[in-house]
Amino acid sequence: MDLATRRRRTALFLFFFMPGLSISSWVTRTPDIRDQLGASTAQMGVVLFGLSVGSMLGVLGSGALVARFGTRPVMGTGTALVVLSMAVIGCGALWSSAPVVTAGLFVFGAGMGGGEVAVNVDGAEVERMAGRTILPTLHGFFSLGTVVGASLGILCTAVGFPAHWHLGAVALVTASMFAYALRAIPHGVGRTHGTGRAGGRTGAPRPAVHKDRRLLLIGGIVLTMALAEGAANDWLPLLMVDGHAMDPALGSAVYAGFAAAMTLGRFGGGFFIDRFGRAPVVRASAMSAALGLAVVVFADNPLLAGVAVVLWGLGASLGFPLALSAAGDSGPDSAARVSLVAMIGYVAFLVGPPGLGFLGDHYGLRAAMTVVLAAVTVAIFLAPAVGVGRATGTASTPDARPVSEDA
């Protein structure tokens, strides 16, 4: 890679790292914030609904915004909202205000969901330029951010550092990272409206994308694996505290183990993907996640459940980036394809957190996780949908680049 591309890749590392750092900072403090709010499990599900709705609205608009403006302004605006959200959630914790915390999570979801397609389209562009698997490594920096954030959250929880000051500090750190990273992202990537590209392909790509059966199956993989990841992000500390009688600091430590397993899986996944192909890796990942979830749900031994979370994290690590990479390679108009698959995946974030919260309030969080277990089991059978490897896919062809939807 030339110097500009390397700087761009480094900037993308930070754009993935910042949301991971932010969301894990929130997750590790959920027991403390729940106590400050005086909220039940069901009420926390309603609070998390703000994150779900914001994520869905963000991802619904992201593809069209990328097509009109390019990736840079979309990921820039989205990350700015992520930075702002930490300050808002911190204020909600300080004021013991559930509506303010819900609003902060809505802002976070809108920012992360809004920037999701843009940062993945930009990452897919760098992946094509490099000619090798990069998206799992980029997503690995999201997981690395969750490890760093979770570790700091554990420390803050252990010493009793107030959650509002903790989240405020995260906002300041991510703001400085954002100011540095945005400069390295070029203008115009992913922009199709008004560019005159694609010649006579008037109106063809978008309908084909929505009717592409293989793409919808890829979306099913994203939905199930995103639910496995999102369930841990939203509920794992509380699952360990309420379901396995761990103290809050130990529950946060288990979440840190999950995040570390996700990081290891994503940084090491490129080797296995290039060696064995996407479908076998997705199938093995889904089986690992299913096994880990089954132990967490059905084993009464807290130590065994904590160890099983590692299998859960390793299994959930590659589903999302692999499916997005496969979606981008599956045909022309990659921005629309990534947008559709990401939108399907975010359904998990819309219905998952509040749904699991309501089930957990009535039957316990361990019982609620059987829904996640069933979903992940489905991904084992959907794995062949991502089976076209990079060597035989469309990644190196001109048609793999975004084309105009209205040219």
Protein backbone atom coordinates (compact mmCIF):
# COMPACT_ATOMS: atom_id res chain seq x y z
CA MET A 1 0.00 0.00 0.00
CA ASP A 2 1.10 3.56 -0.55
CA LEU A 3 1.36 5.99 2.36
CA ALA A 4 -2.10 7.53 1.81
CA THR A 5 -3.76 4.11 1.79
CA ARG A 6 -1.93 3.03 4.93
CA ARG A 7 -3.06 6.22 6.68
CA ARG A 8 -6.58 5.56 5.49
CA ARG A 9 -6.46 2.02 6.86
CA THR A 10 -5.18 3.33 10.19
CA ALA A 11 -8.03 5.86 10.26
CA LEU A 12 -10.52 3.05 9.61
CA PHE A 13 -8.99 1.13 12.52
CA LEU A 14 -9.88 4.11 14.72
CA PHE A 15 -13.37 4.46 13.23
CA PHE A 16 -14.03 0.84 14.24
CA PHE A 17 -12.24 1.21 17.61
CA MET A 18 -14.23 4.23 18.82
CA PRO A 19 -17.74 2.65 18.83
CA GLY A 20 -16.31 -0.47 20.48
CA LEU A 21 -14.69 1.57 23.22
CA SER A 22 -17.91 3.54 23.73
CA ILE A 23 -20.41 0.68 23.80
CA SER A 24 -18.32 -1.45 26.17
CA SER A 25 -17.91 1.54 28.48
CA TRP A 26 -21.70 1.74 28.64
CA VAL A 27 -22.19 -2.03 28.96
CA THR A 28 -19.78 -2.50 31.86
CA ARG A 29 -21.53 0.26 33.81
CA THR A 30 -25.10 -1.00 33.16
CA PRO A 31 -25.45 -2.59 36.63
CA ASP A 32 -24.41 0.68 38.29
CA ILE A 33 -26.54 2.81 35.99
CA ARG A 34 -29.51 0.47 36.47
CA ASP A 35 -29.19 0.93 40.22
CA GLN A 36 -28.92 4.72 39.82
CA LEU A 37 -32.07 4.69 37.69
CA GLY A 38 -33.87 2.23 40.00
CA ALA A 39 -34.97 0.29 36.92
CA SER A 40 -36.22 -3.31 36.67
CA THR A 41 -35.03 -5.70 33.96
CA ALA A 42 -38.08 -4.91 31.84
CA GLN A 43 -37.54 -1.17 32.31
CA MET A 44 -33.91 -1.58 31.23
CA GLY A 45 -35.25 -3.28 28.12
CA VAL A 46 -37.25 -0.11 27.40
CA VAL A 47 -34.14 2.01 27.97
CA LEU A 48 -32.22 -0.19 25.52
CA PHE A 49 -35.04 0.28 23.03
CA GLY A 50 -33.59 3.75 22.41
CA LEU A 51 -30.40 2.10 21.16
CA SER A 52 -32.38 -0.27 18.96
CA VAL A 53 -34.56 2.41 17.36
CA GLY A 54 -31.62 4.75 16.80
CA SER A 55 -29.62 1.93 15.21
CA MET A 56 -32.42 0.98 12.86
CA LEU A 57 -33.15 4.56 11.78
CA GLY A 58 -29.44 5.16 11.25
CA VAL A 59 -28.83 2.09 9.14
CA LEU A 60 -32.02 2.62 7.11
CA GLY A 61 -30.74 6.00 5.96
CA SER A 62 -27.06 5.18 5.73
CA GLY A 63 -27.01 3.49 2.32
CA ALA A 64 -28.85 6.33 0.59
CA LEU A 65 -26.67 8.93 2.31
CA VAL A 66 -23.49 7.13 1.20
CA ALA A 67 -24.79 6.98 -2.36
CA ARG A 68 -25.51 10.71 -2.34
CA PHE A 69 -22.63 12.14 -0.30
CA GLY A 70 -19.97 9.42 -0.09
CA THR A 71 -18.58 7.63 2.95
CA ARG A 72 -16.59 10.46 4.53
CA PRO A 73 -19.40 12.81 5.64
CA VAL A 74 -21.64 9.90 6.66
CA MET A 75 -19.08 8.16 8.88
CA GLY A 76 -17.95 11.56 10.18
CA THR A 77 -21.45 12.55 11.27
CA GLY A 78 -22.15 9.09 12.69
CA THR A 79 -18.98 9.04 14.79
CA ALA A 80 -19.63 12.57 16.06
CA LEU A 81 -23.00 11.33 17.34
CA VAL A 82 -21.30 8.37 19.05
CA VAL A 83 -18.95 10.80 20.85
CA LEU A 84 -21.87 13.01 21.87
CA SER A 85 -23.91 10.06 23.12
CA MET A 86 -21.42 9.18 25.85
CA ALA A 87 -21.78 12.66 27.31
CA VAL A 88 -25.59 12.44 27.16
CA ILE A 89 -25.71 9.01 28.82
CA GLY A 90 -23.31 10.28 31.49
CA CYS A 91 -25.65 13.18 32.20
CA GLY A 92 -28.59 10.79 32.43
CA ALA A 93 -26.71 8.69 34.98
CA LEU A 94 -25.77 11.79 36.97
CA TRP A 95 -29.37 13.01 37.02
CA SER A 96 -30.84 9.49 37.54
CA SER A 97 -32.99 10.14 34.49
CA ALA A 98 -34.06 7.11 32.43
CA PRO A 99 -35.38 9.31 29.56
CA VAL A 100 -32.01 11.07 29.23
CA VAL A 101 -30.15 7.73 29.22
CA THR A 102 -32.63 6.44 26.61
CA ALA A 103 -32.03 9.57 24.51
CA GLY A 104 -28.28 9.08 24.78
CA LEU A 105 -28.60 5.47 23.62
CA PHE A 106 -30.79 6.64 20.74
CA VAL A 107 -28.07 9.08 19.69
CA PHE A 108 -25.45 6.34 20.00
CA GLY A 109 -27.55 3.95 17.91
CA ALA A 110 -28.23 6.56 15.24
CA GLY A 111 -24.53 7.40 15.05
CA MET A 112 -23.28 3.85 14.99
CA GLY A 113 -26.03 2.59 12.67
CA GLY A 114 -25.69 5.63 10.42
CA GLY A 115 -21.96 5.17 10.05
CA GLU A 116 -22.07 1.36 9.81
CA VAL A 117 -22.61 1.09 6.07
CA ALA A 118 -20.21 3.94 5.30
CA VAL A 119 -17.29 2.54 7.28
CA ASN A 120 -17.82 -0.95 5.85
CA VAL A 121 -18.05 0.34 2.28
CA ASP A 122 -14.82 2.27 2.83
CA GLY A 123 -13.25 -0.81 4.40
CA ALA A 124 -14.37 -2.98 1.48
CA GLU A 125 -12.72 -0.46 -0.87
CA VAL A 126 -9.41 -0.82 1.00
CA GLU A 127 -9.87 -4.61 1.02
CA ARG A 128 -10.25 -4.62 -2.77
CA MET A 129 -7.20 -2.39 -3.16
CA ALA A 130 -5.12 -4.73 -0.98
CA GLY A 131 -6.44 -7.88 -2.65
CA ARG A 132 -6.72 -9.78 0.62
CA THR A 133 -9.07 -10.23 3.58
CA ILE A 134 -9.11 -7.07 5.72
CA LEU A 135 -12.69 -6.53 6.94
CA PRO A 136 -12.41 -9.05 9.82
CA THR A 137 -9.29 -7.23 11.03
CA LEU A 138 -11.10 -3.90 10.83
CA HIS A 139 -13.96 -5.35 12.86
CA GLY A 140 -11.28 -6.72 15.16
CA PHE A 141 -10.49 -3.14 16.13
CA PHE A 142 -14.12 -2.73 17.17
CA SER A 143 -13.64 -5.74 19.42
CA LEU A 144 -10.30 -4.40 20.63
CA GLY A 145 -12.13 -1.22 21.57
CA THR A 146 -14.61 -3.30 23.56
CA VAL A 147 -11.74 -5.03 25.39
CA VAL A 148 -10.11 -1.71 26.30
CA GLY A 149 -13.44 -0.18 27.29
CA ALA A 150 -14.47 -3.23 29.30
CA SER A 151 -11.14 -3.34 31.13
CA LEU A 152 -11.43 0.32 32.07
CA GLY A 153 -15.06 -0.25 33.04
CA ILE A 154 -14.08 -3.11 35.33
CA LEU A 155 -11.47 -0.93 36.99
CA CYS A 156 -13.89 1.96 37.41
CA THR A 157 -16.55 -0.38 38.81
CA ALA A 158 -14.09 -1.98 41.24
CA VAL A 159 -12.90 1.34 42.67
CA GLY A 160 -16.38 2.90 42.67
CA PHE A 161 -15.55 5.61 40.12
CA PRO A 162 -18.81 7.39 39.18
CA ALA A 163 -20.29 6.23 35.88
CA HIS A 164 -21.03 9.76 34.67
CA TRP A 165 -17.39 10.87 35.01
CA HIS A 166 -16.24 7.66 33.37
CA LEU A 167 -18.47 8.14 30.32
CA GLY A 168 -17.55 11.81 30.11
CA ALA A 169 -13.87 10.87 29.94
CA VAL A 170 -14.65 8.37 27.15
CA ALA A 171 -16.35 11.17 25.21
CA LEU A 172 -13.23 13.36 25.45
CA VAL A 173 -10.87 10.56 24.37
CA THR A 174 -12.98 9.52 21.39
CA ALA A 175 -13.39 13.16 20.32
CA SER A 176 -9.63 13.50 19.98
CA MET A 177 -9.37 10.22 18.03
CA PHE A 178 -12.16 11.35 15.72
CA ALA A 179 -10.47 14.67 14.94
CA TYR A 180 -7.29 12.80 13.95
CA ALA A 181 -8.90 10.00 11.91
CA LEU A 182 -11.32 11.97 9.74
CA ARG A 183 -8.50 13.76 7.89
CA ALA A 184 -7.25 10.52 6.29
CA ILE A 185 -10.57 9.50 4.71
CA PRO A 186 -10.85 10.59 1.05
CA HIS A 187 -13.89 12.27 -0.44
CA GLY A 188 -16.23 10.60 -2.91
CA VAL A 189 -15.89 6.91 -1.98
CA GLY A 190 -19.22 5.11 -2.42
CA ARG A 191 -20.87 8.17 -3.98
CA THR A 192 -23.00 7.25 -6.97
CA HIS A 193 -25.70 9.93 -7.34
CA GLY A 194 -24.76 12.54 -9.90
CA THR A 195 -21.49 10.86 -10.93
CA GLY A 196 -22.68 9.63 -14.30
CA ARG A 197 -21.29 6.14 -13.70
CA ALA A 198 -22.88 2.88 -14.85
CA GLY A 199 -24.00 4.15 -18.21
CA GLY A 200 -27.16 2.45 -19.31
CA ARG A 201 -27.87 0.45 -16.19
CA THR A 202 -30.84 2.65 -15.43
CA GLY A 203 -32.69 1.53 -12.30
CA ALA A 204 -31.49 -2.09 -12.52
CA PRO A 205 -29.25 -2.66 -9.48
CA ARG A 206 -31.56 -1.68 -6.65
CA PRO A 207 -34.53 -3.97 -7.52
CA ALA A 208 -32.12 -6.87 -8.20
CA VAL A 209 -30.50 -6.35 -4.81
CA HIS A 210 -33.78 -6.70 -2.95
CA LYS A 211 -34.78 -9.79 -4.93
CA ASP A 212 -31.42 -11.55 -4.65
CA ARG A 213 -32.17 -14.77 -2.73
CA ARG A 214 -28.54 -15.41 -1.84
CA LEU A 215 -28.18 -11.88 -0.48
CA LEU A 216 -31.23 -12.38 1.73
CA LEU A 217 -29.71 -15.60 3.09
CA ILE A 218 -26.51 -13.68 3.85
CA GLY A 219 -28.71 -11.18 5.64
CA GLY A 220 -30.14 -14.04 7.69
CA ILE A 221 -26.62 -14.96 8.82
CA VAL A 222 -25.98 -11.35 9.81
CA LEU A 223 -29.26 -11.23 11.74
CA THR A 224 -28.52 -14.36 13.77
CA MET A 225 -24.87 -13.58 14.46
CA ALA A 226 -25.59 -9.92 15.19
CA LEU A 227 -28.18 -11.09 17.71
CA ALA A 228 -25.54 -13.31 19.35
CA GLU A 229 -23.13 -10.39 19.58
CA GLY A 230 -25.76 -7.81 20.50
CA ALA A 231 -27.26 -9.98 23.24
CA ALA A 232 -23.86 -10.14 24.92
CA ASN A 233 -23.22 -6.43 24.46
CA ASP A 234 -26.56 -5.54 26.01
CA TRP A 235 -27.10 -8.20 28.66
CA LEU A 236 -23.97 -10.24 29.45
CA PRO A 237 -22.94 -8.44 32.69
CA LEU A 238 -26.51 -8.57 33.98
CA LEU A 239 -26.85 -12.18 32.79
CA MET A 240 -23.85 -13.13 34.89
CA VAL A 241 -24.97 -11.04 37.88
CA ASP A 242 -28.65 -12.04 37.90
CA GLY A 243 -28.43 -15.45 36.25
CA HIS A 244 -25.24 -16.84 37.81
CA ALA A 245 -25.02 -14.83 41.07
CA MET A 246 -21.75 -13.07 40.23
CA ASP A 247 -20.88 -9.69 41.74
CA PRO A 248 -20.93 -6.72 39.30
CA ALA A 249 -17.14 -6.50 38.91
CA LEU A 250 -16.89 -10.20 38.06
CA GLY A 251 -19.83 -9.90 35.66
CA SER A 252 -17.98 -7.11 33.87
CA ALA A 253 -14.86 -9.29 33.81
CA VAL A 254 -16.79 -12.03 32.03
CA TYR A 255 -17.93 -9.48 29.46
CA ALA A 256 -14.29 -8.46 29.02
CA GLY A 257 -13.50 -12.12 28.33
CA PHE A 258 -16.23 -12.17 25.69
CA ALA A 259 -14.81 -9.04 24.10
CA ALA A 260 -11.29 -10.51 24.17
CA ALA A 261 -12.55 -13.67 22.45
CA MET A 262 -14.26 -11.53 19.80
CA THR A 263 -11.01 -9.64 19.25
CA LEU A 264 -8.95 -12.82 18.95
CA GLY A 265 -11.44 -14.32 16.51
CA ARG A 266 -11.46 -11.28 14.27
CA PHE A 267 -7.73 -10.66 14.22
CA GLY A 268 -6.99 -14.34 13.59
CA GLY A 269 -9.94 -15.00 11.31
CA GLY A 270 -8.30 -13.82 8.09
CA PHE A 271 -5.91 -16.80 8.10
CA PHE A 272 -8.73 -19.34 8.38
CA ILE A 273 -10.92 -17.53 5.84
CA ASP A 274 -8.15 -17.46 3.23
CA ARG A 275 -7.26 -21.09 3.96
CA PHE A 276 -10.68 -22.75 4.27
CA GLY A 277 -13.15 -20.29 2.70
CA ARG A 278 -16.04 -18.33 4.11
CA ALA A 279 -18.74 -21.01 4.42
CA PRO A 280 -16.75 -23.49 6.59
CA VAL A 281 -15.61 -20.64 8.84
CA VAL A 282 -19.16 -19.31 9.28
CA ARG A 283 -20.44 -22.80 10.04
CA ALA A 284 -17.71 -23.46 12.61
CA SER A 285 -18.31 -20.02 14.15
CA ALA A 286 -22.04 -20.64 14.52
CA MET A 287 -21.39 -24.04 16.12
CA SER A 288 -18.95 -22.50 18.60
CA ALA A 289 -21.42 -19.74 19.54
CA ALA A 290 -24.25 -22.28 19.93
CA LEU A 291 -22.15 -24.48 22.21
CA GLY A 292 -21.09 -21.53 24.36
CA LEU A 293 -24.65 -20.25 24.66
CA ALA A 294 -25.98 -23.69 25.55
CA VAL A 295 -23.54 -23.97 28.45
CA VAL A 296 -24.31 -20.44 29.69
CA VAL A 297 -28.05 -21.15 29.57
CA PHE A 298 -28.19 -24.68 30.97
CA ALA A 299 -25.11 -25.07 33.22
CA ASP A 300 -25.58 -24.09 36.87
CA ASN A 301 -21.85 -23.72 37.48
CA PRO A 302 -20.84 -20.01 37.27
CA LEU A 303 -17.21 -20.87 36.50
CA LEU A 304 -18.19 -23.16 33.62
CA ALA A 305 -20.59 -20.52 32.31
CA GLY A 306 -17.85 -17.88 32.42
CA VAL A 307 -15.49 -20.12 30.45
CA ALA A 308 -18.24 -20.92 27.91
CA VAL A 309 -18.59 -17.19 27.19
CA VAL A 310 -15.22 -17.47 25.39
CA LEU A 311 -16.76 -19.96 22.93
CA TRP A 312 -19.72 -17.62 22.54
CA GLY A 313 -17.38 -14.72 21.72
CA LEU A 314 -15.17 -16.70 19.31
CA GLY A 315 -18.26 -17.97 17.53
CA ALA A 316 -19.90 -14.56 17.20
CA SER A 317 -16.72 -12.82 16.06
CA LEU A 318 -16.66 -13.48 12.31
CA GLY A 319 -20.31 -13.75 11.28
CA PHE A 320 -20.95 -10.04 10.84
CA PRO A 321 -17.75 -8.99 8.96
CA LEU A 322 -17.72 -12.16 6.83
CA ALA A 323 -21.33 -11.68 5.77
CA LEU A 324 -20.77 -8.00 4.92
CA SER A 325 -17.70 -8.90 2.88
CA ALA A 326 -19.68 -11.60 1.06
CA ALA A 327 -22.52 -9.15 0.43
CA GLY A 328 -20.15 -6.60 -1.08
CA ASP A 329 -18.69 -9.26 -3.36
CA SER A 330 -22.01 -10.76 -4.43
CA GLY A 331 -22.66 -8.44 -7.38
CA PRO A 332 -22.78 -4.85 -8.61
CA ASP A 333 -23.80 -1.89 -6.46
CA SER A 334 -21.88 -3.06 -3.40
CA ALA A 335 -22.99 -0.07 -1.30
CA ALA A 336 -26.65 -1.07 -1.74
CA ARG A 337 -25.83 -4.71 -1.01
CA VAL A 338 -23.91 -3.90 2.18
CA SER A 339 -26.71 -1.52 3.17
CA LEU A 340 -29.40 -4.18 2.74
CA VAL A 341 -27.50 -6.84 4.67
CA ALA A 342 -26.59 -4.40 7.45
CA MET A 343 -30.25 -3.33 7.67
CA ILE A 344 -31.37 -6.94 8.04
CA GLY A 345 -28.74 -7.44 10.72
CA TYR A 346 -29.91 -4.42 12.65
CA VAL A 347 -33.34 -5.98 13.01
CA ALA A 348 -31.61 -8.06 15.68
CA PHE A 349 -30.67 -4.87 17.50
CA LEU A 350 -34.22 -3.54 17.16
CA VAL A 351 -36.17 -6.52 18.48
CA GLY A 352 -33.42 -8.24 20.47
CA PRO A 353 -32.62 -6.04 23.51
CA PRO A 354 -36.17 -5.08 24.54
CA GLY A 355 -37.52 -8.52 23.63
CA LEU A 356 -34.89 -10.30 25.70
CA GLY A 357 -35.51 -7.82 28.51
CA PHE A 358 -39.23 -8.57 28.65
CA LEU A 359 -38.60 -12.33 28.46
CA GLY A 360 -35.93 -12.01 31.13
CA ASP A 361 -38.30 -10.13 33.43
CA HIS A 362 -40.81 -13.01 33.26
CA TYR A 363 -38.61 -16.09 32.89
CA GLY A 364 -35.08 -14.96 33.77
CA LEU A 365 -32.27 -13.85 31.48
CA ARG A 366 -30.85 -17.36 31.16
CA ALA A 367 -34.13 -18.64 29.78
CA ALA A 368 -34.42 -15.63 27.49
CA MET A 369 -31.05 -16.53 25.90
CA THR A 370 -32.57 -19.71 24.45
CA VAL A 371 -33.97 -17.44 21.73
CA VAL A 372 -30.43 -16.41 20.83
CA LEU A 373 -29.30 -20.04 20.93
CA ALA A 374 -32.04 -21.06 18.48
CA ALA A 375 -31.16 -18.20 16.12
CA VAL A 376 -27.46 -19.05 16.08
CA THR A 377 -28.30 -22.68 15.32
CA VAL A 378 -30.07 -21.50 12.16
CA ALA A 379 -26.84 -19.83 10.97
CA ILE A 380 -25.17 -23.26 10.80
CA PHE A 381 -27.53 -24.18 7.97
CA LEU A 382 -27.34 -20.78 6.23
CA ALA A 383 -23.52 -20.83 6.01
CA PRO A 384 -23.31 -21.97 2.33
CA ALA A 385 -24.76 -18.58 1.28
CA VAL A 386 -21.37 -16.93 1.90
CA GLY A 387 -19.52 -19.69 0.06
CA VAL A 388 -18.19 -17.71 -2.90
CA GLY A 389 -14.58 -16.98 -2.03
CA ARG A 390 -12.63 -13.91 -2.98
CA ALA A 391 -10.79 -15.70 -5.71
CA THR A 392 -13.98 -16.58 -7.56
CA GLY A 393 -16.17 -13.76 -6.43
CA THR A 394 -16.55 -10.30 -7.88
CA ALA A 395 -14.17 -8.48 -5.61
CA SER A 396 -11.58 -7.79 -8.27
CA THR A 397 -13.96 -6.98 -11.09
CA PRO A 398 -15.15 -3.50 -12.03
CA ASP A 399 -18.76 -4.45 -11.36
CA ALA A 400 -17.97 -5.02 -7.69
CA ARG A 401 -17.66 -1.26 -7.22
CA PRO A 402 -20.73 0.82 -6.42
CA VAL A 403 -22.67 1.87 -9.50
CA SER A 404 -25.23 4.57 -9.97
CA GLU A 405 -28.75 3.83 -8.93
CA ASP A 406 -30.25 6.50 -11.13
CA ALA A 407 -27.74 6.95 -13.97
